[in-house]
Amino acid sequence: MSRIGKKPIPIPSGVSVEATGDEVVVKGAKGELRQTVSPGITVREEDGAIVVARATDERRHRALHGLTRALVANMVAGVSDGFTRTLELVGYRVQAQGRAVNLQLGFSHPVVIDPMEGVEFVVEGNNRVHVRGIDKQAVGEQAARIRRLRPPDAYKGKGVRYAGEQIRLKPGKSAGKRA
């Protein structure tokens, strides 16, 4: 039995969950999210919590049991609190430009990024961007796309990194000759 799949998901106040057939709809203060559920997996509400169950012990159902529970739990957390990924620009700058962000990443041109559906940018100072939204997958995807434009350099550490990310710097050319 899946340890993750067995855990019931508590429903916070202000959040409503509708599980009909093959779709789960979660509504909360920040918005509404929908998720399709695979056949053989059932989602139901019991005693103020959401319970995810599987029909059989087939390999496919066991694999989808914990996944479905995690997706529904992320939906509940998203509509009640939301998700944030913070990006730090080391050696480069960022500016808010309406809903979009204007990144100065050392290219010959500025890079303007428009947010995906359900995602917003909050710029703090000139080197921090907070990517916010209710869909965890969309927030992570948007943050990864921005980071991919200029990943951290292995020698100086310059680039776009997640807040708190540790970058292991390589020793330079002269450091290798001293040994």
Protein backbone atom coordinates (compact mmCIF):
# COMPACT_ATOMS: atom_id res chain seq x y z
CA MET A 1 0.00 0.00 0.00
CA SER A 2 1.25 3.47 -0.86
CA ARG A 3 2.26 5.40 2.25
CA ILE A 4 1.58 8.71 0.55
CA GLY A 5 -1.65 7.52 -1.08
CA LYS A 6 -3.13 6.30 2.22
CA LYS A 7 -2.78 9.67 3.98
CA PRO A 8 -6.02 11.66 4.04
CA ILE A 9 -5.80 15.30 2.91
CA PRO A 10 -7.31 17.71 5.45
CA ILE A 11 -9.58 20.33 3.89
CA PRO A 12 -8.94 23.83 5.30
CA SER A 13 -11.85 26.19 5.93
CA GLY A 14 -12.88 28.14 2.85
CA VAL A 15 -11.94 25.31 0.47
CA SER A 16 -14.52 23.14 -1.29
CA VAL A 17 -13.77 19.92 -3.16
CA GLU A 18 -16.02 18.29 -5.76
CA ALA A 19 -15.03 14.86 -7.03
CA THR A 20 -17.27 13.81 -9.90
CA GLY A 21 -16.40 10.84 -12.08
CA ASP A 22 -12.95 11.35 -13.52
CA GLU A 23 -12.40 14.98 -12.45
CA VAL A 24 -11.61 16.74 -9.16
CA VAL A 25 -12.44 20.44 -8.78
CA VAL A 26 -10.96 22.36 -5.85
CA LYS A 27 -12.22 25.90 -5.15
CA GLY A 28 -10.75 28.29 -2.62
CA ALA A 29 -10.07 31.93 -1.81
CA LYS A 30 -7.32 32.26 -4.46
CA GLY A 31 -9.11 30.49 -7.31
CA GLU A 32 -10.17 27.17 -8.78
CA LEU A 33 -8.14 24.19 -10.03
CA ARG A 34 -9.20 21.08 -11.97
CA GLN A 35 -7.45 17.73 -12.27
CA THR A 36 -8.41 14.66 -14.27
CA VAL A 37 -8.18 11.41 -12.32
CA SER A 38 -7.07 8.19 -14.01
CA PRO A 39 -9.50 5.25 -14.23
CA GLY A 40 -9.13 2.91 -11.28
CA ILE A 41 -8.42 5.75 -8.83
CA THR A 42 -11.28 7.21 -6.77
CA VAL A 43 -11.30 10.48 -4.87
CA ARG A 44 -13.95 11.07 -2.22
CA GLU A 45 -14.60 13.30 0.78
CA GLU A 46 -14.87 11.69 4.23
CA ASP A 47 -15.05 13.43 7.63
CA GLY A 48 -13.68 16.78 6.42
CA ALA A 49 -10.79 15.18 4.54
CA ILE A 50 -10.12 13.92 1.03
CA VAL A 51 -9.37 10.21 0.65
CA VAL A 52 -7.75 8.75 -2.46
CA ALA A 53 -8.25 5.02 -3.08
CA ARG A 54 -7.31 2.59 -5.82
CA ALA A 55 -9.41 -0.18 -7.33
CA THR A 56 -6.81 -2.97 -7.48
CA ASP A 57 -3.20 -3.75 -6.61
CA GLU A 58 -2.09 -3.67 -10.23
CA ARG A 59 1.25 -2.00 -10.85
CA ARG A 60 -0.35 0.88 -12.77
CA HIS A 61 -2.88 1.61 -10.01
CA ARG A 62 -0.18 1.47 -7.32
CA ALA A 63 1.92 3.94 -9.31
CA LEU A 64 -0.97 6.38 -9.75
CA HIS A 65 -2.26 6.15 -6.16
CA GLY A 66 0.40 8.31 -4.48
CA LEU A 67 0.70 10.58 -7.52
CA THR A 68 -3.01 11.41 -7.51
CA ARG A 69 -2.97 12.07 -3.77
CA ALA A 70 0.02 14.42 -4.13
CA LEU A 71 -1.60 16.30 -7.02
CA VAL A 72 -4.85 16.81 -5.09
CA ALA A 73 -2.93 17.90 -1.97
CA ASN A 74 -1.03 20.46 -4.07
CA MET A 75 -4.34 21.74 -5.46
CA VAL A 76 -5.73 22.21 -1.93
CA ALA A 77 -2.55 24.00 -0.80
CA GLY A 78 -2.56 26.17 -3.94
CA VAL A 79 -6.11 27.50 -3.66
CA SER A 80 -5.72 28.20 0.06
CA ASP A 81 -2.12 29.56 0.33
CA GLY A 82 -0.60 29.64 -3.17
CA PHE A 83 2.97 28.79 -4.21
CA THR A 84 6.05 30.97 -4.63
CA ARG A 85 9.45 30.34 -6.22
CA THR A 86 12.06 33.05 -5.70
CA LEU A 87 14.82 33.62 -8.23
CA GLU A 88 17.99 35.60 -7.55
CA LEU A 89 19.98 37.24 -10.33
CA VAL A 90 23.69 37.34 -9.47
CA GLY A 91 25.59 39.80 -11.67
CA TYR A 92 22.49 40.74 -13.67
CA ARG A 93 19.37 42.92 -13.26
CA VAL A 94 15.61 42.63 -13.52
CA GLN A 95 12.81 45.21 -13.85
CA ALA A 96 9.04 44.94 -13.75
CA GLN A 97 7.40 45.90 -17.04
CA GLY A 98 3.64 45.71 -16.52
CA ARG A 99 2.79 42.05 -15.91
CA ALA A 100 6.05 40.97 -17.59
CA VAL A 101 9.65 41.16 -16.39
CA ASN A 102 12.56 42.70 -18.29
CA LEU A 103 15.79 40.75 -17.66
CA GLN A 104 19.23 42.21 -18.41
CA LEU A 105 21.24 38.96 -18.70
CA GLY A 106 24.38 40.11 -20.50
CA PHE A 107 22.99 39.53 -23.98
CA SER A 108 23.02 42.27 -26.63
CA HIS A 109 19.28 42.71 -26.03
CA PRO A 110 16.95 42.74 -23.01
CA VAL A 111 14.89 39.58 -22.47
CA VAL A 112 11.20 40.25 -21.76
CA ILE A 113 9.27 37.33 -20.23
CA ASP A 114 5.47 37.31 -20.13
CA PRO A 115 3.92 35.20 -17.34
CA MET A 116 2.13 31.94 -18.10
CA GLU A 117 -1.60 31.59 -17.40
CA GLY A 118 -2.22 31.74 -13.64
CA VAL A 119 1.28 33.01 -12.78
CA GLU A 120 2.38 36.48 -11.70
CA PHE A 121 5.75 38.13 -11.14
CA VAL A 122 6.72 40.30 -8.18
CA VAL A 123 10.07 42.08 -8.54
CA GLU A 124 11.97 42.90 -5.34
CA GLY A 125 14.88 45.29 -5.75
CA ASN A 126 16.79 44.89 -8.99
CA ASN A 127 17.96 41.29 -8.59
CA ARG A 128 15.05 39.24 -7.14
CA VAL A 129 11.91 37.88 -8.82
CA HIS A 130 9.11 36.07 -7.01
CA VAL A 131 7.08 33.77 -9.27
CA ARG A 132 3.64 33.29 -7.67
CA GLY A 133 0.49 31.36 -8.49
CA ILE A 134 -1.95 28.70 -7.32
CA ASP A 135 -0.80 25.91 -9.65
CA LYS A 136 2.45 24.42 -8.32
CA GLN A 137 3.37 22.92 -11.69
CA ALA A 138 2.92 26.22 -13.56
CA VAL A 139 4.92 28.18 -10.97
CA GLY A 140 7.79 25.68 -11.12
CA GLU A 141 7.75 25.56 -14.91
CA GLN A 142 7.83 29.37 -15.22
CA ALA A 143 10.71 29.64 -12.71
CA ALA A 144 12.65 26.90 -14.54
CA ARG A 145 12.19 28.67 -17.89
CA ILE A 146 13.61 31.90 -16.47
CA ARG A 147 16.54 30.07 -14.84
CA ARG A 148 17.28 28.24 -18.10
CA LEU A 149 18.00 31.57 -19.84
CA ARG A 150 21.25 32.07 -17.87
CA PRO A 151 22.05 29.23 -15.43
CA PRO A 152 24.70 29.92 -12.76
CA ASP A 153 28.29 29.93 -14.00
CA ALA A 154 30.54 27.24 -12.51
CA TYR A 155 33.52 29.58 -11.98
CA LYS A 156 32.10 32.91 -10.75
CA GLY A 157 28.55 31.92 -9.79
CA LYS A 158 26.95 34.58 -12.01
CA GLY A 159 23.53 33.79 -13.38
CA VAL A 160 19.92 33.13 -12.38
CA ARG A 161 19.52 30.82 -9.39
CA TYR A 162 16.77 29.76 -7.02
CA ALA A 163 16.83 31.50 -3.63
CA GLY A 164 18.95 29.45 -1.25
CA GLU A 165 20.47 27.32 -4.02
CA GLN A 166 24.07 26.34 -3.31
CA ILE A 167 26.40 26.60 -6.29
CA ARG A 168 29.67 24.67 -6.04
CA LEU A 169 32.28 26.79 -7.70
CA LYS A 170 35.17 25.18 -9.57
CA PRO A 171 38.69 26.37 -8.77
CA GLY A 172 40.16 28.55 -11.49
CA LYS A 173 43.10 27.81 -13.73
CA SER A 174 45.73 29.19 -11.34
CA ALA A 175 44.34 27.24 -8.34
CA GLY A 176 44.99 23.95 -10.17
CA LYS A 177 48.66 24.78 -10.85
CA ARG A 178 49.58 25.37 -7.19
CA ALA A 179 49.29 21.71 -6.17
